[in-house]
């Protein structure tokens, strides 16, 4: 019983970390849509490093210019969606272990 509870706690911590990473990816995706904002925040080096960390299959996929002078990065949005999906799976598994 205690092992199941410990597993549930670990899964909820992992789910929270995944959710925070997904929210950060969403925020980065929105900031990159505005060229002035991303230039002011000096995010170029960070975005390049983040692009290298994304799997090569989707890295650079769906880069679309926006009317605001920036770019919409579909690859970042897809990574955020996958992180939210993994968060959901971890939350469901955590609830199942608690029952």
C-alpha atoms as a PDB file:
ATOM      1  CA  UNK A   1       0.000   0.000   0.000  1.00  0.00           C
ATOM      2  CA  UNK A   2       2.798   2.447   0.874  1.00  0.00           C
ATOM      3  CA  UNK A   3       4.659   1.588  -2.337  1.00  0.00           C
ATOM      4  CA  UNK A   4       1.587   2.474  -4.393  1.00  0.00           C
ATOM      5  CA  UNK A   5       1.219   5.765  -2.530  1.00  0.00           C
ATOM      6  CA  UNK A   6       4.902   6.592  -3.100  1.00  0.00           C
ATOM      7  CA  UNK A   7       4.502   5.823  -6.795  1.00  0.00           C
ATOM      8  CA  UNK A   8       1.468   8.079  -6.949  1.00  0.00           C
ATOM      9  CA  UNK A   9       3.400  10.916  -5.319  1.00  0.00           C
ATOM     10  CA  UNK A  10       6.319  10.494  -7.721  1.00  0.00           C
ATOM     11  CA  UNK A  11       3.947  10.484 -10.697  1.00  0.00           C
ATOM     12  CA  UNK A  12       2.229  13.656  -9.487  1.00  0.00           C
ATOM     13  CA  UNK A  13       5.604  15.390  -9.124  1.00  0.00           C
ATOM     14  CA  UNK A  14       6.584  14.296 -12.645  1.00  0.00           C
ATOM     15  CA  UNK A  15       3.197  15.483 -13.939  1.00  0.00           C
ATOM     16  CA  UNK A  16       3.724  18.901 -12.354  1.00  0.00           C
ATOM     17  CA  UNK A  17       7.190  19.205 -13.901  1.00  0.00           C
ATOM     18  CA  UNK A  18       5.819  18.218 -17.312  1.00  0.00           C
ATOM     19  CA  UNK A  19       3.000  20.758 -16.970  1.00  0.00           C
ATOM     20  CA  UNK A  20       5.444  23.549 -16.103  1.00  0.00           C
ATOM     21  CA  UNK A  21       7.640  22.653 -19.089  1.00  0.00           C
ATOM     22  CA  UNK A  22       4.596  22.622 -21.371  1.00  0.00           C
ATOM     23  CA  UNK A  23       3.476  26.034 -20.121  1.00  0.00           C
ATOM     24  CA  UNK A  24       6.996  27.372 -20.686  1.00  0.00           C
ATOM     25  CA  UNK A  25       6.989  26.005 -24.254  1.00  0.00           C
ATOM     26  CA  UNK A  26       3.623  27.678 -24.883  1.00  0.00           C
ATOM     27  CA  UNK A  27       4.950  30.973 -23.546  1.00  0.00           C
ATOM     28  CA  UNK A  28       8.069  30.739 -25.721  1.00  0.00           C
ATOM     29  CA  UNK A  29       5.934  29.954 -28.774  1.00  0.00           C
ATOM     30  CA  UNK A  30       3.798  33.048 -28.147  1.00  0.00           C
ATOM     31  CA  UNK A  31       6.784  35.314 -27.467  1.00  0.00           C
ATOM     32  CA  UNK A  32       8.435  34.240 -30.724  1.00  0.00           C
ATOM     33  CA  UNK A  33       5.354  35.389 -32.639  1.00  0.00           C
ATOM     34  CA  UNK A  34       6.324  38.991 -31.858  1.00  0.00           C
ATOM     35  CA  UNK A  35       9.729  40.030 -33.200  1.00  0.00           C
ATOM     36  CA  UNK A  36      10.125  43.074 -30.953  1.00  0.00           C
ATOM     37  CA  UNK A  37       9.401  41.141 -27.790  1.00  0.00           C
ATOM     38  CA  UNK A  38      11.709  38.255 -28.602  1.00  0.00           C
ATOM     39  CA  UNK A  39      14.487  40.678 -29.584  1.00  0.00           C
ATOM     40  CA  UNK A  40      14.115  42.611 -26.337  1.00  0.00           C
ATOM     41  CA  UNK A  41      14.294  39.431 -24.310  1.00  0.00           C
ATOM     42  CA  UNK A  42      17.411  38.356 -26.262  1.00  0.00           C
ATOM     43  CA  UNK A  43      16.076  34.835 -26.764  1.00  0.00           C
ATOM     44  CA  UNK A  44      18.005  33.909 -29.925  1.00  0.00           C
ATOM     45  CA  UNK A  45      20.662  31.774 -28.229  1.00  0.00           C
ATOM     46  CA  UNK A  46      18.104  30.066 -26.018  1.00  0.00           C
ATOM     47  CA  UNK A  47      15.825  29.279 -28.966  1.00  0.00           C
ATOM     48  CA  UNK A  48      18.738  27.803 -30.929  1.00  0.00           C
ATOM     49  CA  UNK A  49      19.673  25.576 -27.983  1.00  0.00           C
ATOM     50  CA  UNK A  50      16.038  24.571 -27.544  1.00  0.00           C
ATOM     51  CA  UNK A  51      15.769  23.763 -31.259  1.00  0.00           C
ATOM     52  CA  UNK A  52      18.780  21.474 -30.962  1.00  0.00           C
ATOM     53  CA  UNK A  53      17.164  19.661 -28.026  1.00  0.00           C
ATOM     54  CA  UNK A  54      14.021  18.877 -30.027  1.00  0.00           C
ATOM     55  CA  UNK A  55      14.111  15.563 -31.922  1.00  0.00           C
ATOM     56  CA  UNK A  56      15.449  15.980 -35.464  1.00  0.00           C
ATOM     57  CA  UNK A  57      12.218  14.587 -36.930  1.00  0.00           C
ATOM     58  CA  UNK A  58      10.233  17.716 -36.025  1.00  0.00           C
ATOM     59  CA  UNK A  59      12.965  20.315 -35.434  1.00  0.00           C
ATOM     60  CA  UNK A  60      12.299  23.310 -37.642  1.00  0.00           C
ATOM     61  CA  UNK A  61       8.991  21.903 -38.880  1.00  0.00           C
ATOM     62  CA  UNK A  62       6.226  24.415 -39.456  1.00  0.00           C
ATOM     63  CA  UNK A  63       8.055  27.703 -38.989  1.00  0.00           C
ATOM     64  CA  UNK A  64       5.498  30.244 -40.202  1.00  0.00           C
ATOM     65  CA  UNK A  65       5.971  34.009 -40.300  1.00  0.00           C
ATOM     66  CA  UNK A  66       3.372  36.023 -38.436  1.00  0.00           C
ATOM     67  CA  UNK A  67       1.955  39.458 -39.278  1.00  0.00           C
ATOM     68  CA  UNK A  68       3.645  40.737 -36.117  1.00  0.00           C
ATOM     69  CA  UNK A  69       7.136  40.222 -37.557  1.00  0.00           C
ATOM     70  CA  UNK A  70       7.949  37.063 -35.645  1.00  0.00           C
ATOM     71  CA  UNK A  71       7.539  33.379 -36.387  1.00  0.00           C
ATOM     72  CA  UNK A  72       5.144  30.722 -35.169  1.00  0.00           C
ATOM     73  CA  UNK A  73       7.098  27.559 -34.368  1.00  0.00           C
ATOM     74  CA  UNK A  74       4.860  24.559 -34.901  1.00  0.00           C
ATOM     75  CA  UNK A  75       7.608  22.265 -33.621  1.00  0.00           C
ATOM     76  CA  UNK A  76       7.555  24.080 -30.262  1.00  0.00           C
ATOM     77  CA  UNK A  77       3.757  23.903 -30.171  1.00  0.00           C
ATOM     78  CA  UNK A  78       3.875  20.155 -30.891  1.00  0.00           C
ATOM     79  CA  UNK A  79       6.386  19.613 -28.092  1.00  0.00           C
ATOM     80  CA  UNK A  80       4.112  21.575 -25.730  1.00  0.00           C
ATOM     81  CA  UNK A  81       1.145  19.416 -26.765  1.00  0.00           C
ATOM     82  CA  UNK A  82       3.116  16.211 -26.168  1.00  0.00           C
ATOM     83  CA  UNK A  83       4.219  17.487 -22.759  1.00  0.00           C
ATOM     84  CA  UNK A  84       0.594  18.260 -21.840  1.00  0.00           C
ATOM     85  CA  UNK A  85      -0.390  14.770 -23.014  1.00  0.00           C
ATOM     86  CA  UNK A  86       2.325  13.154 -20.880  1.00  0.00           C
ATOM     87  CA  UNK A  87       1.171  15.299 -17.942  1.00  0.00           C
ATOM     88  CA  UNK A  88      -2.362  13.970 -18.393  1.00  0.00           C
ATOM     89  CA  UNK A  89      -1.140  10.362 -18.574  1.00  0.00           C
ATOM     90  CA  UNK A  90       0.914  10.785 -15.399  1.00  0.00           C
ATOM     91  CA  UNK A  91      -2.045  12.353 -13.568  1.00  0.00           C
ATOM     92  CA  UNK A  92      -4.331   9.486 -14.595  1.00  0.00           C
ATOM     93  CA  UNK A  93      -1.759   6.880 -13.547  1.00  0.00           C
ATOM     94  CA  UNK A  94      -1.279   8.663 -10.228  1.00  0.00           C
ATOM     95  CA  UNK A  95      -5.038   8.613  -9.569  1.00  0.00           C
ATOM     96  CA  UNK A  96      -5.221   4.939 -10.497  1.00  0.00           C
ATOM     97  CA  UNK A  97      -2.457   4.088  -8.039  1.00  0.00           C
ATOM     98  CA  UNK A  98      -4.203   5.954  -5.232  1.00  0.00           C
ATOM     99  CA  UNK A  99      -7.399   3.912  -5.551  1.00  0.00           C
END
